[in-house]
Protein backbone atom coordinates (compact mmCIF):
# COMPACT_ATOMS: atom_id res chain seq x y z
CA UNK A 1 -39.32 -0.38 -19.59
CA UNK A 2 -41.26 2.37 -21.28
CA UNK A 3 -39.12 2.57 -24.43
CA UNK A 4 -36.99 0.34 -26.63
CA UNK A 5 -34.27 2.97 -26.73
CA UNK A 6 -34.23 4.48 -23.25
CA UNK A 7 -36.47 4.87 -20.19
CA UNK A 8 -38.58 8.04 -20.21
CA UNK A 9 -37.34 8.76 -16.68
CA UNK A 10 -33.84 9.45 -17.97
CA UNK A 11 -32.67 13.00 -18.53
CA UNK A 12 -30.82 13.81 -21.76
CA UNK A 13 -27.56 13.87 -19.76
CA UNK A 14 -28.22 10.36 -18.40
CA UNK A 15 -29.07 9.03 -21.85
CA UNK A 16 -25.91 10.58 -23.30
CA UNK A 17 -23.75 9.17 -20.49
CA UNK A 18 -25.07 5.63 -21.01
CA UNK A 19 -24.62 5.92 -24.77
CA UNK A 20 -21.02 7.03 -24.36
CA UNK A 21 -20.23 4.23 -21.90
CA UNK A 22 -21.83 1.58 -24.10
CA UNK A 23 -20.05 2.88 -27.21
CA UNK A 24 -16.67 2.85 -25.47
CA UNK A 25 -17.16 -0.65 -24.04
CA UNK A 26 -18.51 -2.08 -27.31
CA UNK A 27 -15.40 -0.91 -29.14
CA UNK A 28 -13.05 -2.42 -26.57
CA UNK A 29 -11.39 -5.82 -26.74
CA UNK A 30 -10.13 -7.90 -23.80
CA UNK A 31 -6.53 -6.83 -23.13
CA UNK A 32 -3.91 -9.57 -23.29
CA UNK A 33 -0.12 -9.73 -23.28
CA UNK A 34 1.02 -7.60 -20.33
CA UNK A 35 0.67 -7.68 -16.56
CA UNK A 36 2.08 -5.53 -13.79
CA UNK A 37 4.11 -6.96 -10.92
CA UNK A 38 2.85 -6.78 -7.31
CA UNK A 39 5.33 -3.95 -6.65
CA UNK A 40 4.02 -1.97 -9.61
CA UNK A 41 0.44 -2.56 -8.55
CA UNK A 42 1.25 -1.47 -4.98
CA UNK A 43 2.09 2.13 -5.83
CA UNK A 44 0.04 4.65 -3.85
CA UNK A 45 -1.08 7.65 -5.90
CA UNK A 46 0.26 11.07 -5.02
CA UNK A 47 -2.53 13.06 -6.62
CA UNK A 48 -6.22 12.79 -7.35
CA UNK A 49 -6.97 11.43 -3.86
CA UNK A 50 -10.40 12.63 -2.68
CA UNK A 51 -10.36 15.20 0.09
CA UNK A 52 -10.49 13.74 3.58
CA UNK A 53 -9.25 10.30 2.48
CA UNK A 54 -5.99 8.58 3.36
CA UNK A 55 -4.69 5.74 1.18
CA UNK A 56 -1.99 3.30 2.22
CA UNK A 57 -0.91 -0.07 0.85
CA UNK A 58 0.40 -3.30 2.32
CA UNK A 59 1.73 -6.33 0.45
CA UNK A 60 -0.20 -9.29 1.83
CA UNK A 61 1.77 -12.55 1.69
CA UNK A 62 0.26 -15.56 -0.09
CA UNK A 63 -2.03 -17.38 2.33
CA UNK A 64 -0.83 -20.65 3.77
CA UNK A 65 -4.43 -21.90 4.00
CA UNK A 66 -5.68 -21.59 0.43
CA UNK A 67 -8.29 -24.35 -0.09
CA UNK A 68 -7.68 -27.18 -2.51
CA UNK A 69 -10.51 -25.92 -4.71
CA UNK A 70 -8.41 -22.98 -5.92
CA UNK A 71 -5.02 -24.67 -5.97
CA UNK A 72 -3.43 -24.92 -9.39
CA UNK A 73 -0.32 -26.62 -10.72
CA UNK A 74 0.31 -23.76 -13.15
CA UNK A 75 -0.90 -20.74 -11.16
CA UNK A 76 0.69 -20.16 -7.78
CA UNK A 77 -0.35 -17.71 -5.03
CA UNK A 78 1.77 -14.59 -4.69
CA UNK A 79 1.96 -11.29 -2.84
CA UNK A 80 -1.16 -9.15 -3.02
CA UNK A 81 -1.21 -5.34 -2.75
CA UNK A 82 -4.05 -4.37 -0.42
CA UNK A 83 -5.03 -0.70 -0.41
CA UNK A 84 -6.52 0.70 2.78
CA UNK A 85 -8.88 3.64 2.54
CA UNK A 86 -9.43 5.46 5.81
CA UNK A 87 -10.41 8.86 7.11
CA UNK A 88 -7.47 11.24 6.68
CA UNK A 89 -7.50 11.96 10.42
CA UNK A 90 -7.83 8.37 11.64
CA UNK A 91 -5.17 6.59 13.63
CA UNK A 92 -2.65 4.19 12.13
CA UNK A 93 -3.77 0.74 11.00
CA UNK A 94 -1.07 -0.81 13.19
CA UNK A 95 -3.42 -1.46 16.07
CA UNK A 96 -6.43 -3.19 14.57
CA UNK A 97 -9.43 -3.20 16.88
CA UNK A 98 -11.98 -5.94 17.21
CA UNK A 99 -14.85 -3.48 16.78
CA UNK A 100 -13.62 -1.86 13.54
CA UNK A 101 -15.95 -2.36 10.59
CA UNK A 102 -14.04 -3.37 7.47
CA UNK A 103 -15.20 -3.43 3.87
CA UNK A 104 -13.18 -5.87 1.73
CA UNK A 105 -14.00 -4.82 -1.83
CA UNK A 106 -13.37 -6.79 -5.03
CA UNK A 107 -13.33 -4.29 -7.87
CA UNK A 108 -15.09 -4.72 -11.18
CA UNK A 109 -13.59 -4.82 -14.65
CA UNK A 110 -14.44 -8.27 -15.97
CA UNK A 111 -11.40 -9.79 -14.28
CA UNK A 112 -9.21 -8.10 -16.91
CA UNK A 113 -9.40 -4.41 -16.04
CA UNK A 114 -9.37 -2.17 -12.99
CA UNK A 115 -7.25 -1.16 -10.03
CA UNK A 116 -8.25 0.09 -6.55
CA UNK A 117 -6.62 3.48 -7.17
CA UNK A 118 -8.27 4.26 -10.50
CA UNK A 119 -10.10 7.56 -10.27
CA UNK A 120 -13.53 5.92 -10.46
CA UNK A 121 -12.75 3.61 -7.55
CA UNK A 122 -11.11 6.28 -5.42
CA UNK A 123 -14.26 8.38 -5.80
CA UNK A 124 -16.48 5.35 -5.13
CA UNK A 125 -14.59 4.39 -1.97
CA UNK A 126 -14.63 8.00 -0.78
CA UNK A 127 -18.42 8.03 -1.08
CA UNK A 128 -18.68 4.71 0.78
CA UNK A 129 -16.44 6.01 3.57
CA UNK A 130 -18.64 9.11 3.99
CA UNK A 131 -21.75 6.96 4.26
CA UNK A 132 -20.09 4.60 6.74
CA UNK A 133 -18.73 7.46 8.86
CA UNK A 134 -22.21 8.91 9.28
CA UNK A 135 -23.36 5.62 10.77
CA UNK A 136 -20.24 5.01 12.85
CA UNK A 137 -20.27 8.56 14.20
CA UNK A 138 -23.89 8.28 15.23
CA UNK A 139 -23.09 5.07 17.12
CA UNK A 140 -19.76 6.19 18.57
CA UNK A 141 -18.03 3.33 16.78
CA UNK A 142 -14.45 3.13 15.58
CA UNK A 143 -13.67 4.69 12.20
CA UNK A 144 -14.46 2.21 9.38
CA UNK A 145 -11.89 0.96 6.88
CA UNK A 146 -12.06 -0.11 3.25
CA UNK A 147 -9.56 -2.76 2.15
CA UNK A 148 -9.29 -3.01 -1.64
CA UNK A 149 -6.98 -5.72 -3.01
CA UNK A 150 -5.27 -5.35 -6.37
CA UNK A 151 -5.84 -8.89 -7.54
CA UNK A 152 -4.13 -10.30 -10.61
CA UNK A 153 -5.85 -9.54 -13.91
CA UNK A 154 -6.29 -12.26 -16.52
CA UNK A 155 -4.16 -10.53 -19.15
CA UNK A 156 -1.39 -13.16 -19.25
CA UNK A 157 -1.61 -16.98 -18.98
CA UNK A 158 -0.17 -17.10 -15.45
CA UNK A 159 -2.94 -14.78 -14.22
CA UNK A 160 -5.93 -16.71 -15.47
CA UNK A 161 -8.43 -18.42 -13.15
CA UNK A 162 -7.98 -19.02 -10.20
CA UNK A 163 -5.33 -16.29 -9.72
CA UNK A 164 -7.81 -13.57 -8.72
CA UNK A 165 -9.50 -15.83 -6.18
CA UNK A 166 -6.15 -16.84 -4.68
CA UNK A 167 -5.29 -13.16 -4.27
CA UNK A 168 -8.62 -12.22 -2.71
CA UNK A 169 -8.41 -15.16 -0.30
CA UNK A 170 -4.90 -14.10 0.72
CA UNK A 171 -6.15 -10.53 1.26
CA UNK A 172 -8.97 -11.78 3.50
CA UNK A 173 -6.52 -13.96 5.47
CA UNK A 174 -4.27 -10.90 5.84
CA UNK A 175 -7.12 -8.96 7.47
CA UNK A 176 -7.73 -11.80 9.92
CA UNK A 177 -4.02 -11.97 10.79
CA UNK A 178 -3.99 -8.20 11.39
CA UNK A 179 -6.57 -8.69 14.11
CA UNK A 180 -9.77 -7.61 12.43
CA UNK A 181 -12.75 -9.67 13.57
CA UNK A 182 -14.32 -11.74 10.79
CA UNK A 183 -17.80 -10.87 12.05
CA UNK A 184 -17.04 -7.21 11.35
CA UNK A 185 -15.83 -7.79 7.81
CA UNK A 186 -18.27 -7.19 4.95
CA UNK A 187 -17.13 -8.59 1.62
CA UNK A 188 -18.36 -6.38 -1.22
CA UNK A 189 -17.88 -6.17 -4.96
CA UNK A 190 -19.19 -4.43 -8.05
CA UNK A 191 -20.00 -6.06 -11.40
CA UNK A 192 -17.46 -8.86 -12.00
CA UNK A 193 -16.13 -8.01 -8.54
CA UNK A 194 -19.58 -8.78 -7.17
CA UNK A 195 -19.27 -12.27 -8.59
CA UNK A 196 -15.77 -12.56 -7.12
CA UNK A 197 -17.12 -11.45 -3.73
CA UNK A 198 -19.72 -14.22 -3.82
CA UNK A 199 -17.25 -16.89 -4.90
CA UNK A 200 -14.63 -15.69 -2.40
CA UNK A 201 -17.15 -16.16 0.40
CA UNK A 202 -17.85 -19.67 -0.87
CA UNK A 203 -14.10 -20.41 -0.96
CA UNK A 204 -13.72 -19.13 2.60
CA UNK A 205 -16.46 -21.57 3.66
CA UNK A 206 -14.23 -24.37 2.33
CA UNK A 207 -11.28 -23.22 4.44
CA UNK A 208 -10.31 -23.13 8.11
CA UNK A 209 -10.76 -19.33 8.24
CA UNK A 210 -13.79 -17.82 9.98
CA UNK A 211 -16.62 -16.65 7.74
CA UNK A 212 -17.19 -12.92 7.17
CA UNK A 213 -20.11 -11.27 8.89
CA UNK A 214 -21.80 -9.93 5.75
CA UNK A 215 -21.76 -9.80 1.96
CA UNK A 216 -22.96 -6.83 -0.10
CA UNK A 217 -23.02 -6.71 -3.90
CA UNK A 218 -23.41 -3.89 -6.42
CA UNK A 219 -24.90 -5.12 -9.70
CA UNK A 220 -23.04 -8.45 -9.58
CA UNK A 221 -22.26 -10.19 -12.85
CA UNK A 222 -22.85 -13.53 -11.15
CA UNK A 223 -23.68 -15.82 -14.07
CA UNK A 224 -20.75 -16.35 -16.44
CA UNK A 225 -22.83 -18.83 -18.46
CA UNK A 226 -25.14 -15.87 -19.18
CA UNK A 227 -28.16 -18.18 -19.24
CA UNK A 228 -29.92 -15.61 -17.03
CA UNK A 229 -28.82 -12.64 -19.14
CA UNK A 230 -31.66 -10.40 -20.36
CA UNK A 231 -30.92 -8.23 -23.36
CA UNK A 232 -31.78 -4.64 -22.47
CA UNK A 233 -30.89 -2.37 -25.44
CA UNK A 234 -30.18 0.66 -23.28
CA UNK A 235 -27.88 -1.06 -20.78
CA UNK A 236 -24.15 -0.26 -20.85
CA UNK A 237 -22.64 -3.67 -21.71
CA UNK A 238 -23.62 -6.08 -24.47
CA UNK A 239 -23.74 -9.88 -24.18
CA UNK A 240 -20.81 -10.27 -26.59
CA UNK A 241 -18.64 -8.02 -24.41
CA UNK A 242 -19.53 -9.97 -21.28
CA UNK A 243 -18.81 -13.30 -22.96
CA UNK A 244 -15.45 -12.19 -24.36
CA UNK A 245 -14.20 -11.04 -20.95
CA UNK A 246 -15.55 -14.06 -19.11
CA UNK A 247 -13.98 -16.47 -21.60
CA UNK A 248 -10.53 -14.91 -21.15
CA UNK A 249 -10.85 -14.69 -17.35
CA UNK A 250 -11.79 -18.37 -17.02
CA UNK A 251 -9.38 -19.84 -19.55
CA UNK A 252 -10.22 -23.55 -19.67
CA UNK A 253 -12.28 -23.52 -16.46
CA UNK A 254 -16.01 -24.16 -17.03
CA UNK A 255 -18.42 -21.27 -16.58
CA UNK A 256 -21.10 -23.61 -15.20
CA UNK A 257 -19.18 -24.23 -11.96
CA UNK A 258 -19.88 -22.47 -8.64
CA UNK A 259 -16.25 -21.29 -8.49
CA UNK A 260 -16.89 -19.45 -11.76
CA UNK A 261 -20.49 -18.30 -11.41
CA UNK A 262 -21.71 -17.25 -7.97
CA UNK A 263 -25.28 -17.94 -9.02
CA UNK A 264 -24.46 -21.68 -8.84
CA UNK A 265 -23.06 -21.72 -5.29
CA UNK A 266 -24.74 -24.37 -3.09
CA UNK A 267 -25.89 -21.88 -0.46
CA UNK A 268 -26.70 -23.03 3.05
CA UNK A 269 -28.49 -21.55 6.05
CA UNK A 270 -25.11 -20.52 7.49
CA UNK A 271 -24.35 -18.23 4.55
CA UNK A 272 -23.57 -14.68 5.78
CA UNK A 273 -26.31 -12.10 5.71
CA UNK A 274 -26.36 -10.67 2.17
CA UNK A 275 -27.48 -7.44 0.49
CA UNK A 276 -27.73 -7.32 -3.31
CA UNK A 277 -28.42 -4.06 -5.16
CA UNK A 278 -29.10 -3.77 -8.86
CA UNK A 279 -31.09 -1.75 -11.39
CA UNK A 280 -34.05 -2.69 -13.57
CA UNK A 281 -32.10 -1.51 -16.65
CA UNK A 282 -29.26 -3.92 -15.86
CA UNK A 283 -29.05 -6.90 -18.20
CA UNK A 284 -27.56 -8.96 -15.34
CA UNK A 285 -30.33 -8.14 -12.87
CA UNK A 286 -31.90 -11.58 -13.12
CA UNK A 287 -28.77 -13.21 -11.72
CA UNK A 288 -29.09 -10.93 -8.67
CA UNK A 289 -32.68 -12.04 -8.19
CA UNK A 290 -31.73 -15.70 -8.47
CA UNK A 291 -28.84 -15.37 -6.00
CA UNK A 292 -31.08 -13.77 -3.38
CA UNK A 293 -33.84 -16.32 -3.97
CA UNK A 294 -31.45 -19.24 -3.62
CA UNK A 295 -29.94 -17.90 -0.39
CA UNK A 296 -33.40 -17.42 1.06
CA UNK A 297 -34.55 -20.89 -0.01
CA UNK A 298 -31.47 -22.36 1.71
CA UNK A 299 -32.54 -20.68 4.94
CA UNK A 300 -30.14 -17.75 4.79
CA UNK A 301 -30.89 -14.04 5.10
CA UNK A 302 -30.69 -12.03 1.90
CA UNK A 303 -32.24 -8.80 0.65
CA UNK A 304 -32.65 -7.59 -2.93
CA UNK A 305 -32.93 -3.88 -3.73
CA UNK A 306 -33.76 -2.89 -7.30
CA UNK A 307 -33.52 0.70 -8.47
CA UNK A 308 -35.81 1.72 -11.32
CA UNK A 309 -34.07 2.38 -14.64
CA UNK A 310 -30.52 2.13 -13.27
CA UNK A 311 -27.99 0.41 -15.53
CA UNK A 312 -25.13 -1.93 -14.80
CA UNK A 313 -22.43 0.69 -14.12
CA UNK A 314 -24.59 3.31 -12.44
CA UNK A 315 -22.67 3.15 -9.14
CA UNK A 316 -19.62 4.82 -10.66
CA UNK A 317 -21.41 7.85 -12.15
CA UNK A 318 -23.33 9.48 -9.27
CA UNK A 319 -23.44 12.80 -11.09
CA UNK A 320 -25.80 11.16 -13.58
CA UNK A 321 -27.44 8.70 -11.18
CA UNK A 322 -27.90 10.34 -7.76
CA UNK A 323 -30.08 7.37 -6.78
CA UNK A 324 -26.88 5.38 -6.45
CA UNK A 325 -26.08 7.34 -3.29
CA UNK A 326 -29.08 5.67 -1.69
CA UNK A 327 -27.35 2.35 -2.30
CA UNK A 328 -24.32 3.51 -0.35
CA UNK A 329 -26.56 4.62 2.50
CA UNK A 330 -28.20 1.19 2.46
CA UNK A 331 -24.77 -0.42 2.58
CA UNK A 332 -23.83 1.65 5.63
CA UNK A 333 -27.05 0.75 7.39
CA UNK A 334 -26.50 -2.91 6.48
CA UNK A 335 -22.95 -2.89 7.87
CA UNK A 336 -23.90 -1.22 11.16
CA UNK A 337 -27.24 -2.95 11.75
């Protein structure tokens, strides 16, 4: 970094955007006390949908094959709203094809915030779809699909760990039951969702379900112990904010467990091919480096892409960080390679 306050490569607009995001997040406290029902979370928006995008929702039933590792006597699996993002002109999802590429995305928000139809995610998924369609069109492949589960948020006791993992596992099982080929599913996630994507893949490896073909992560917050955290003054989220959210998400579950922190997963050579993208101005970047290194040392295939001076939440603000579009192009190439 060239400055203690901000990188010299940033424009005034970028610096102002990061300052505003950091100020807003620093003033926030983990929400607790209310949670929406599956039916409430399953509502499809009627406005604000990006042009050329179709959104539908299905309530996935609780999986009958949830591994023992995420069973709980106090937290039971339930229905999971899964939002499907497709091209507005694509055919119905009723007839799933074996060659369809599917992105299963775990959204960020620290496990306490976020929903697949928030404006930031609708815009993000629209951008991903455009990048994927360029690749699929060039190859004459079927139109790609994004499946975005609305997993339970840890804002009430019954939604604490492992509720989110139960929901994501049920969503993955739902895709398999619909006829999508596991080899064509790429599990993705951003920030805390990146960690969930890693841990979900690990949980799937403990089950009877087939493993996904690929994993791709956007600035994963993969170390909830924060031992690998590097304090970067001009990043968007402070250590105290991370710790407060992680503590509430986990409840009494230890952060130094591979089901909590993806960085601690005992990777093997059979781990799916993985792409991890982060920025050098991201305080969690070191956990991305460690994840990739550990996969490679286990004999798996993993690639790390670091973007100069990009912060933790850069993927959601492309108007300030156009470099983030390159990450979506890399994802598309990764999915179709």
